[in-house]
Structure formats: structure tokens, C-alpha cells
Amino acid sequence: MTTPTIDIYTKFACPFCVRAKQLLDSKGAAYTEHDITMGGPKREEMNARAPLARTVPQIFIGNTHVGGCDDLFALERAGKLDPLLAGEAGA
């Protein structure tokens, strides 16, 4: 299995973004952070990937749109985050 690519769209000084990154860091997960504080093409990219999302962070693990910080922690509580990070199907 291949480890999925992780993208996280954030804004400067966002406490939810910090919490989400801390959880990913604690898992040893490598991710690419896209700061959309000033808008620009990465914000447009986030809007294209998650058209209804208006808050940050927005987290994508592989082809799965996880959602925000609370959604990431819900996956962790349900025991589904580790399999998703490992690229296991049906996580």
C-alpha cells in the first residue's frame, strides 16, 4: 500500500489549524500545508476540491475529503484515522 498524500489548507493564527497539524504531527504523517490567508490560487483550489467548505482547516487524505479539525479528531476517536493515513481501503 502507498501512503496517501495529505493536503491541509490553513490560515495564519487559526487555532483549529494548529490542532489539526498537531494531531497529524503526532501520527508522524507528512503533509503539505497550503496557507490561504491571503486567498489566491490555493484558495481557489480548495474551493474546487471542497465547494461547500468555507472554513479552515480543510484536510484531504488521498482522495478523501476529511473536512475540518473536528472531523479529523472524530476519525481519530472512531479508530479510523490510522487506517486512512496508512492508505487502507475502506478506512
PDB file of N, CA and C in Angstrom:
ATOM      1  N   MET A   1       0.832  -1.191   0.000  1.00  0.00           N
ATOM      2  CA  MET A   1       0.000   0.000   0.000  1.00  0.00           C
ATOM      3  C   MET A   1       0.872   1.247   0.000  1.00  0.00           C
ATOM      4  N   THR A   2       0.388   2.244  -0.663  1.00  0.00           N
ATOM      5  CA  THR A   2       1.101   3.503  -0.751  1.00  0.00           C
ATOM      6  C   THR A   2       0.521   4.478   0.262  1.00  0.00           C
ATOM      7  N   THR A   3       1.398   5.196   0.938  1.00  0.00           N
ATOM      8  CA  THR A   3       0.940   6.219   1.873  1.00  0.00           C
ATOM      9  C   THR A   3       0.297   7.349   1.075  1.00  0.00           C
ATOM     10  N   PRO A   4      -0.935   7.738   1.419  1.00  0.00           N
ATOM     11  CA  PRO A   4      -1.606   8.772   0.649  1.00  0.00           C
ATOM     12  C   PRO A   4      -1.002  10.161   0.884  1.00  0.00           C
ATOM     13  N   THR A   5      -1.169  11.005  -0.098  1.00  0.00           N
ATOM     14  CA  THR A   5      -0.774  12.401   0.016  1.00  0.00           C
ATOM     15  C   THR A   5      -1.768  13.113   0.927  1.00  0.00           C
ATOM     16  N   ILE A   6      -1.255  13.969   1.802  1.00  0.00           N
ATOM     17  CA  ILE A   6      -2.121  14.725   2.709  1.00  0.00           C
ATOM     18  C   ILE A   6      -1.946  16.202   2.408  1.00  0.00           C
ATOM     19  N   ASP A   7      -3.068  16.877   2.156  1.00  0.00           N
ATOM     20  CA  ASP A   7      -3.080  18.321   1.946  1.00  0.00           C
ATOM     21  C   ASP A   7      -3.937  18.941   3.026  1.00  0.00           C
ATOM     22  N   ILE A   8      -3.442  20.038   3.601  1.00  0.00           N
ATOM     23  CA  ILE A   8      -4.210  20.766   4.603  1.00  0.00           C
ATOM     24  C   ILE A   8      -4.166  22.245   4.253  1.00  0.00           C
ATOM     25  N   TYR A   9      -5.338  22.822   4.091  1.00  0.00           N
ATOM     26  CA  TYR A   9      -5.476  24.245   3.771  1.00  0.00           C
ATOM     27  C   TYR A   9      -5.706  24.985   5.079  1.00  0.00           C
ATOM     28  N   THR A  10      -4.880  25.995   5.338  1.00  0.00           N
ATOM     29  CA  THR A  10      -4.891  26.692   6.630  1.00  0.00           C
ATOM     30  C   THR A  10      -4.886  28.205   6.435  1.00  0.00           C
ATOM     31  N   LYS A  11      -5.085  28.896   7.545  1.00  0.00           N
ATOM     32  CA  LYS A  11      -4.922  30.349   7.610  1.00  0.00           C
ATOM     33  C   LYS A  11      -4.042  30.670   8.805  1.00  0.00           C
ATOM     34  N   PHE A  12      -3.357  31.799   8.721  1.00  0.00           N
ATOM     35  CA  PHE A  12      -2.473  32.265   9.775  1.00  0.00           C
ATOM     36  C   PHE A  12      -3.231  32.407  11.085  1.00  0.00           C
ATOM     37  N   ALA A  13      -2.632  31.952  12.176  1.00  0.00           N
ATOM     38  CA  ALA A  13      -3.137  32.095  13.545  1.00  0.00           C
ATOM     39  C   ALA A  13      -4.479  31.402  13.785  1.00  0.00           C
ATOM     40  N   CYS A  14      -4.788  30.381  12.997  1.00  0.00           N
ATOM     41  CA  CYS A  14      -6.026  29.621  13.171  1.00  0.00           C
ATOM     42  C   CYS A  14      -5.787  28.516  14.199  1.00  0.00           C
ATOM     43  N   PRO A  15      -6.454  28.571  15.363  1.00  0.00           N
ATOM     44  CA  PRO A  15      -6.215  27.552  16.392  1.00  0.00           C
ATOM     45  C   PRO A  15      -6.661  26.155  15.969  1.00  0.00           C
ATOM     46  N   PHE A  16      -7.696  26.056  15.146  1.00  0.00           N
ATOM     47  CA  PHE A  16      -8.144  24.753  14.672  1.00  0.00           C
ATOM     48  C   PHE A  16      -7.122  24.143  13.715  1.00  0.00           C
ATOM     49  N   CYS A  17      -6.484  24.997  12.928  1.00  0.00           N
ATOM     50  CA  CYS A  17      -5.426  24.537  12.023  1.00  0.00           C
ATOM     51  C   CYS A  17      -4.252  23.991  12.830  1.00  0.00           C
ATOM     52  N   VAL A  18      -3.904  24.695  13.887  1.00  0.00           N
ATOM     53  CA  VAL A  18      -2.796  24.268  14.752  1.00  0.00           C
ATOM     54  C   VAL A  18      -3.106  22.906  15.366  1.00  0.00           C
ATOM     55  N   ARG A  19      -4.327  22.727  15.873  1.00  0.00           N
ATOM     56  CA  ARG A  19      -4.711  21.448  16.490  1.00  0.00           C
ATOM     57  C   ARG A  19      -4.667  20.301  15.489  1.00  0.00           C
ATOM     58  N   ALA A  20      -5.173  20.550  14.289  1.00  0.00           N
ATOM     59  CA  ALA A  20      -5.184  19.508  13.262  1.00  0.00           C
ATOM     60  C   ALA A  20      -3.759  19.114  12.888  1.00  0.00           C
ATOM     61  N   LYS A  21      -2.889  20.097  12.714  1.00  0.00           N
ATOM     62  CA  LYS A  21      -1.491  19.806  12.369  1.00  0.00           C
ATOM     63  C   LYS A  21      -0.792  19.075  13.510  1.00  0.00           C
ATOM     64  N   GLN A  22      -1.116  19.423  14.751  1.00  0.00           N
ATOM     65  CA  GLN A  22      -0.516  18.731  15.895  1.00  0.00           C
ATOM     66  C   GLN A  22      -0.904  17.258  15.901  1.00  0.00           C
ATOM     67  N   LEU A  23      -2.158  16.967  15.584  1.00  0.00           N
ATOM     68  CA  LEU A  23      -2.592  15.567  15.549  1.00  0.00           C
ATOM     69  C   LEU A  23      -1.868  14.822  14.429  1.00  0.00           C
ATOM     70  N   LEU A  24      -1.797  15.434  13.252  1.00  0.00           N
ATOM     71  CA  LEU A  24      -1.082  14.787  12.148  1.00  0.00           C
ATOM     72  C   LEU A  24       0.392  14.599  12.490  1.00  0.00           C
ATOM     73  N   ASP A  25       0.994  15.611  13.120  1.00  0.00           N
ATOM     74  CA  ASP A  25       2.403  15.501  13.534  1.00  0.00           C
ATOM     75  C   ASP A  25       2.591  14.359  14.526  1.00  0.00           C
ATOM     76  N   SER A  26       1.648  14.217  15.464  1.00  0.00           N
ATOM     77  CA  SER A  26       1.767  13.157  16.472  1.00  0.00           C
ATOM     78  C   SER A  26       1.684  11.768  15.838  1.00  0.00           C
ATOM     79  N   LYS A  27       1.063  11.694  14.673  1.00  0.00           N
ATOM     80  CA  LYS A  27       0.946  10.431  13.947  1.00  0.00           C
ATOM     81  C   LYS A  27       2.144  10.208  13.028  1.00  0.00           C
ATOM     82  N   GLY A  28       3.023  11.212  12.931  1.00  0.00           N
ATOM     83  CA  GLY A  28       4.163  11.100  12.024  1.00  0.00           C
ATOM     84  C   GLY A  28       3.759  11.230  10.575  1.00  0.00           C
ATOM     85  N   ALA A  29       2.614  11.833  10.332  1.00  0.00           N
ATOM     86  CA  ALA A  29       2.094  11.971   8.970  1.00  0.00           C
ATOM     87  C   ALA A  29       2.712  13.185   8.281  1.00  0.00           C
ATOM     88  N   ALA A  30       3.252  12.959   7.111  1.00  0.00           N
ATOM     89  CA  ALA A  30       3.798  14.062   6.309  1.00  0.00           C
ATOM     90  C   ALA A  30       2.656  14.689   5.526  1.00  0.00           C
ATOM     91  N   TYR A  31       2.585  15.995   5.557  1.00  0.00           N
ATOM     92  CA  TYR A  31       1.509  16.696   4.857  1.00  0.00           C
ATOM     93  C   TYR A  31       2.054  17.950   4.195  1.00  0.00           C
ATOM     94  N   THR A  32       1.288  18.419   3.221  1.00  0.00           N
ATOM     95  CA  THR A  32       1.607  19.678   2.560  1.00  0.00           C
ATOM     96  C   THR A  32       0.598  20.702   3.046  1.00  0.00           C
ATOM     97  N   GLU A  33       1.118  21.785   3.605  1.00  0.00           N
ATOM     98  CA  GLU A  33       0.254  22.852   4.110  1.00  0.00           C
ATOM     99  C   GLU A  33       0.140  23.943   3.062  1.00  0.00           C
ATOM    100  N   HIS A  34      -1.090  24.368   2.813  1.00  0.00           N
ATOM    101  CA  HIS A  34      -1.364  25.445   1.873  1.00  0.00           C
ATOM    102  C   HIS A  34      -1.989  26.599   2.660  1.00  0.00           C
ATOM    103  N   ASP A  35      -1.259  27.679   2.827  1.00  0.00           N
ATOM    104  CA  ASP A  35      -1.752  28.844   3.560  1.00  0.00           C
ATOM    105  C   ASP A  35      -2.597  29.694   2.613  1.00  0.00           C
ATOM    106  N   ILE A  36      -3.885  29.806   2.934  1.00  0.00           N
ATOM    107  CA  ILE A  36      -4.790  30.564   2.075  1.00  0.00           C
ATOM    108  C   ILE A  36      -5.248  31.863   2.744  1.00  0.00           C
ATOM    109  N   THR A  37      -4.454  32.346   3.691  1.00  0.00           N
ATOM    110  CA  THR A  37      -4.803  33.563   4.422  1.00  0.00           C
ATOM    111  C   THR A  37      -5.115  34.713   3.475  1.00  0.00           C
ATOM    112  N   MET A  38      -4.311  34.873   2.449  1.00  0.00           N
ATOM    113  CA  MET A  38      -4.477  35.988   1.517  1.00  0.00           C
ATOM    114  C   MET A  38      -5.239  35.591   0.254  1.00  0.00           C
ATOM    115  N   GLY A  39      -5.882  34.430   0.273  1.00  0.00           N
ATOM    116  CA  GLY A  39      -6.625  33.977  -0.903  1.00  0.00           C
ATOM    117  C   GLY A  39      -5.698  33.392  -1.940  1.00  0.00           C
ATOM    118  N   GLY A  40      -5.945  33.704  -3.186  1.00  0.00           N
ATOM    119  CA  GLY A  40      -5.081  33.261  -4.263  1.00  0.00           C
ATOM    120  C   GLY A  40      -5.449  31.910  -4.843  1.00  0.00           C
ATOM    121  N   PRO A  41      -4.554  31.370  -5.667  1.00  0.00           N
ATOM    122  CA  PRO A  41      -4.863  30.127  -6.384  1.00  0.00           C
ATOM    123  C   PRO A  41      -5.083  28.918  -5.477  1.00  0.00           C
ATOM    124  N   LYS A  42      -4.416  28.861  -4.347  1.00  0.00           N
ATOM    125  CA  LYS A  42      -4.617  27.711  -3.447  1.00  0.00           C
ATOM    126  C   LYS A  42      -6.004  27.761  -2.803  1.00  0.00           C
ATOM    127  N   ARG A  43      -6.525  28.961  -2.542  1.00  0.00           N
ATOM    128  CA  ARG A  43      -7.898  29.071  -2.025  1.00  0.00           C
ATOM    129  C   ARG A  43      -8.882  28.605  -3.094  1.00  0.00           C
ATOM    130  N   GLU A  44      -8.626  29.003  -4.330  1.00  0.00           N
ATOM    131  CA  GLU A  44      -9.473  28.557  -5.438  1.00  0.00           C
ATOM    132  C   GLU A  44      -9.409  27.040  -5.578  1.00  0.00           C
ATOM    133  N   GLU A  45      -8.200  26.479  -5.409  1.00  0.00           N
ATOM    134  CA  GLU A  45      -8.030  25.031  -5.467  1.00  0.00           C
ATOM    135  C   GLU A  45      -8.840  24.354  -4.366  1.00  0.00           C
ATOM    136  N   MET A  46      -8.765  24.896  -3.134  1.00  0.00           N
ATOM    137  CA  MET A  46      -9.531  24.337  -2.024  1.00  0.00           C
ATOM    138  C   MET A  46     -11.026  24.393  -2.335  1.00  0.00           C
ATOM    139  N   ASN A  47     -11.492  25.530  -2.860  1.00  0.00           N
ATOM    140  CA  ASN A  47     -12.912  25.678  -3.187  1.00  0.00           C
ATOM    141  C   ASN A  47     -13.341  24.703  -4.271  1.00  0.00           C
ATOM    142  N   ALA A  48     -12.448  24.406  -5.210  1.00  0.00           N
ATOM    143  CA  ALA A  48     -12.769  23.438  -6.260  1.00  0.00           C
ATOM    144  C   ALA A  48     -12.846  22.023  -5.689  1.00  0.00           C
ATOM    145  N   ARG A  49     -11.970  21.709  -4.755  1.00  0.00           N
ATOM    146  CA  ARG A  49     -11.937  20.367  -4.155  1.00  0.00           C
ATOM    147  C   ARG A  49     -13.058  20.160  -3.140  1.00  0.00           C
ATOM    148  N   ALA A  50     -13.446  21.235  -2.459  1.00  0.00           N
ATOM    149  CA  ALA A  50     -14.498  21.155  -1.437  1.00  0.00           C
ATOM    150  C   ALA A  50     -15.401  22.381  -1.607  1.00  0.00           C
ATOM    151  N   PRO A  51     -16.301  22.335  -2.599  1.00  0.00           N
ATOM    152  CA  PRO A  51     -17.102  23.518  -2.952  1.00  0.00           C
ATOM    153  C   PRO A  51     -17.927  24.114  -1.810  1.00  0.00           C
ATOM    154  N   LEU A  52     -18.338  23.318  -0.862  1.00  0.00           N
ATOM    155  CA  LEU A  52     -19.180  23.829   0.227  1.00  0.00           C
ATOM    156  C   LEU A  52     -18.377  24.274   1.445  1.00  0.00           C
ATOM    157  N   ALA A  53     -17.088  24.065   1.423  1.00  0.00           N
ATOM    158  CA  ALA A  53     -16.237  24.400   2.571  1.00  0.00           C
ATOM    159  C   ALA A  53     -15.926  25.889   2.580  1.00  0.00           C
ATOM    160  N   ARG A  54     -16.144  26.510   3.726  1.00  0.00           N
ATOM    161  CA  ARG A  54     -15.850  27.934   3.870  1.00  0.00           C
ATOM    162  C   ARG A  54     -14.953  28.216   5.069  1.00  0.00           C
ATOM    163  N   THR A  55     -14.582  27.161   5.782  1.00  0.00           N
ATOM    164  CA  THR A  55     -13.747  27.323   6.973  1.00  0.00           C
ATOM    165  C   THR A  55     -12.441  26.560   6.794  1.00  0.00           C
ATOM    166  N   VAL A  56     -11.493  26.856   7.636  1.00  0.00           N
ATOM    167  CA  VAL A  56     -10.235  26.127   7.650  1.00  0.00           C
ATOM    168  C   VAL A  56     -10.051  25.530   9.038  1.00  0.00           C
ATOM    169  N   PRO A  57      -9.282  24.471   9.125  1.00  0.00           N
ATOM    170  CA  PRO A  57      -8.585  23.817   8.030  1.00  0.00           C
ATOM    171  C   PRO A  57      -9.541  22.976   7.187  1.00  0.00           C
ATOM    172  N   GLN A  58      -9.121  22.704   5.975  1.00  0.00           N
ATOM    173  CA  GLN A  58      -9.760  21.698   5.134  1.00  0.00           C
ATOM    174  C   GLN A  58      -8.676  20.671   4.855  1.00  0.00           C
ATOM    175  N   ILE A  59      -8.981  19.426   5.177  1.00  0.00           N
ATOM    176  CA  ILE A  59      -7.978  18.363   5.146  1.00  0.00           C
ATOM    177  C   ILE A  59      -8.383  17.298   4.132  1.00  0.00           C
ATOM    178  N   PHE A  60      -7.420  16.925   3.311  1.00  0.00           N
ATOM    179  CA  PHE A  60      -7.608  15.874   2.318  1.00  0.00           C
ATOM    180  C   PHE A  60      -6.537  14.819   2.544  1.00  0.00           C
ATOM    181  N   ILE A  61      -6.963  13.573   2.670  1.00  0.00           N
ATOM    182  CA  ILE A  61      -6.025  12.453   2.799  1.00  0.00           C
ATOM    183  C   ILE A  61      -6.286  11.562   1.592  1.00  0.00           C
ATOM    184  N   GLY A  62      -5.325  11.552   0.682  1.00  0.00           N
ATOM    185  CA  GLY A  62      -5.534  10.869  -0.585  1.00  0.00           C
ATOM    186  C   GLY A  62      -6.706  11.507  -1.299  1.00  0.00           C
ATOM    187  N   ASN A  63      -7.655  10.711  -1.743  1.00  0.00           N
ATOM    188  CA  ASN A  63      -8.848  11.227  -2.423  1.00  0.00           C
ATOM    189  C   ASN A  63      -9.993  11.515  -1.464  1.00  0.00           C
ATOM    190  N   THR A  64      -9.746  11.342  -0.177  1.00  0.00           N
ATOM    191  CA  THR A  64     -10.790  11.535   0.829  1.00  0.00           C
ATOM    192  C   THR A  64     -10.760  12.949   1.381  1.00  0.00           C
ATOM    193  N   HIS A  65     -11.885  13.647   1.269  1.00  0.00           N
ATOM    194  CA  HIS A  65     -12.026  14.951   1.910  1.00  0.00           C
ATOM    195  C   HIS A  65     -12.468  14.696   3.344  1.00  0.00           C
ATOM    196  N   VAL A  66     -11.534  14.861   4.274  1.00  0.00           N
ATOM    197  CA  VAL A  66     -11.822  14.617   5.686  1.00  0.00           C
ATOM    198  C   VAL A  66     -12.737  15.698   6.235  1.00  0.00           C
ATOM    199  N   GLY A  67     -12.478  16.946   5.849  1.00  0.00           N
ATOM    200  CA  GLY A  67     -13.220  18.081   6.384  1.00  0.00           C
ATOM    201  C   GLY A  67     -12.300  18.915   7.243  1.00  0.00           C
ATOM    202  N   GLY A  68     -12.810  19.338   8.395  1.00  0.00           N
ATOM    203  CA  GLY A  68     -12.045  20.222   9.265  1.00  0.00           C
ATOM    204  C   GLY A  68     -11.424  19.508  10.456  1.00  0.00           C
ATOM    205  N   CYS A  69     -11.005  20.308  11.411  1.00  0.00           N
ATOM    206  CA  CYS A  69     -10.329  19.805  12.612  1.00  0.00           C
ATOM    207  C   CYS A  69     -11.217  18.837  13.389  1.00  0.00           C
ATOM    208  N   ASP A  70     -12.466  19.214  13.624  1.00  0.00           N
ATOM    209  CA  ASP A  70     -13.369  18.342  14.382  1.00  0.00           C
ATOM    210  C   ASP A  70     -13.569  17.011  13.669  1.00  0.00           C
ATOM    211  N   ASP A  71     -13.642  17.049  12.341  1.00  0.00           N
ATOM    212  CA  ASP A  71     -13.815  15.820  11.568  1.00  0.00           C
ATOM    213  C   ASP A  71     -12.588  14.920  11.695  1.00  0.00           C
ATOM    214  N   LEU A  72     -11.403  15.537  11.681  1.00  0.00           N
ATOM    215  CA  LEU A  72     -10.165  14.777  11.832  1.00  0.00           C
ATOM    216  C   LEU A  72     -10.118  14.086  13.199  1.00  0.00           C
ATOM    217  N   PHE A  73     -10.476  14.822  14.255  1.00  0.00           N
ATOM    218  CA  PHE A  73     -10.480  14.240  15.593  1.00  0.00           C
ATOM    219  C   PHE A  73     -11.569  13.179  15.746  1.00  0.00           C
ATOM    220  N   ALA A  74     -12.689  13.334  15.041  1.00  0.00           N
ATOM    221  CA  ALA A  74     -13.743  12.316  15.080  1.00  0.00           C
ATOM    222  C   ALA A  74     -13.245  11.013  14.465  1.00  0.00           C
ATOM    223  N   LEU A  75     -12.489  11.118  13.366  1.00  0.00           N
ATOM    224  CA  LEU A  75     -11.895   9.917  12.766  1.00  0.00           C
ATOM    225  C   LEU A  75     -10.948   9.242  13.756  1.00  0.00           C
ATOM    226  N   GLU A  76     -10.163  10.053  14.463  1.00  0.00           N
ATOM    227  CA  GLU A  76      -9.220   9.515  15.454  1.00  0.00           C
ATOM    228  C   GLU A  76      -9.978   8.774  16.558  1.00  0.00           C
ATOM    229  N   ARG A  77     -11.034   9.394  17.093  1.00  0.00           N
ATOM    230  CA  ARG A  77     -11.812   8.767  18.167  1.00  0.00           C
ATOM    231  C   ARG A  77     -12.465   7.461  17.708  1.00  0.00           C
ATOM    232  N   ALA A  78     -12.858   7.422  16.439  1.00  0.00           N
ATOM    233  CA  ALA A  78     -13.517   6.234  15.892  1.00  0.00           C
ATOM    234  C   ALA A  78     -12.520   5.147  15.475  1.00  0.00           C
ATOM    235  N   GLY A  79     -11.225   5.439  15.599  1.00  0.00           N
ATOM    236  CA  GLY A  79     -10.218   4.464  15.212  1.00  0.00           C
ATOM    237  C   GLY A  79     -10.032   4.344  13.708  1.00  0.00           C
ATOM    238  N   LYS A  80     -10.498   5.345  12.963  1.00  0.00           N
ATOM    239  CA  LYS A  80     -10.430   5.286  11.502  1.00  0.00           C
ATOM    240  C   LYS A  80      -9.311   6.124  10.903  1.00  0.00           C
ATOM    241  N   LEU A  81      -8.668   6.953  11.712  1.00  0.00           N
ATOM    242  CA  LEU A  81      -7.629   7.831  11.166  1.00  0.00           C
ATOM    243  C   LEU A  81      -6.377   7.052  10.778  1.00  0.00           C
ATOM    244  N   ASP A  82      -5.895   6.179  11.640  1.00  0.00           N
ATOM    245  CA  ASP A  82      -4.667   5.427  11.341  1.00  0.00           C
ATOM    246  C   ASP A  82      -4.781   4.616  10.051  1.00  0.00           C
ATOM    247  N   PRO A  83      -5.894   3.872   9.854  1.00  0.00           N
ATOM    248  CA  PRO A  83      -6.013   3.142   8.587  1.00  0.00           C
ATOM    249  C   PRO A  83      -6.059   4.082   7.377  1.00  0.00           C
ATOM    250  N   LEU A  84      -6.718   5.212   7.503  1.00  0.00           N
ATOM    251  CA  LEU A  84      -6.775   6.171   6.407  1.00  0.00           C
ATOM    252  C   LEU A  84      -5.386   6.711   6.082  1.00  0.00           C
ATOM    253  N   LEU A  85      -4.618   7.027   7.128  1.00  0.00           N
ATOM    254  CA  LEU A  85      -3.260   7.514   6.928  1.00  0.00           C
ATOM    255  C   LEU A  85      -2.351   6.451   6.317  1.00  0.00           C
ATOM    256  N   ALA A  86      -2.664   5.190   6.579  1.00  0.00           N
ATOM    257  CA  ALA A  86      -1.879   4.082   6.046  1.00  0.00           C
ATOM    258  C   ALA A  86      -2.276   3.718   4.618  1.00  0.00           C
ATOM    259  N   GLY A  87      -3.349   4.356   4.128  1.00  0.00           N
ATOM    260  CA  GLY A  87      -3.788   4.079   2.758  1.00  0.00           C
ATOM    261  C   GLY A  87      -4.623   2.821   2.633  1.00  0.00           C
ATOM    262  N   GLU A  88      -5.195   2.390   3.730  1.00  0.00           N
ATOM    263  CA  GLU A  88      -6.025   1.182   3.692  1.00  0.00           C
ATOM    264  C   GLU A  88      -7.412   1.523   3.160  1.00  0.00           C
ATOM    265  N   ALA A  89      -7.846   0.771   2.202  1.00  0.00           N
ATOM    266  CA  ALA A  89      -9.157   0.987   1.600  1.00  0.00           C
ATOM    267  C   ALA A  89     -10.252   0.710   2.615  1.00  0.00           C
ATOM    268  N   GLY A  90     -11.326   1.457   2.503  1.00  0.00           N
ATOM    269  CA  GLY A  90     -12.475   1.260   3.382  1.00  0.00           C
ATOM    270  C   GLY A  90     -12.275   1.783   4.778  1.00  0.00           C
ATOM    271  N   ALA A  91     -11.292   2.653   4.981  1.00  0.00           N
ATOM    272  CA  ALA A  91     -10.999   3.173   6.324  1.00  0.00           C
ATOM    273  C   ALA A  91     -12.085   4.052   6.845  1.00  0.00           C
TER     274      ALA A  91
END
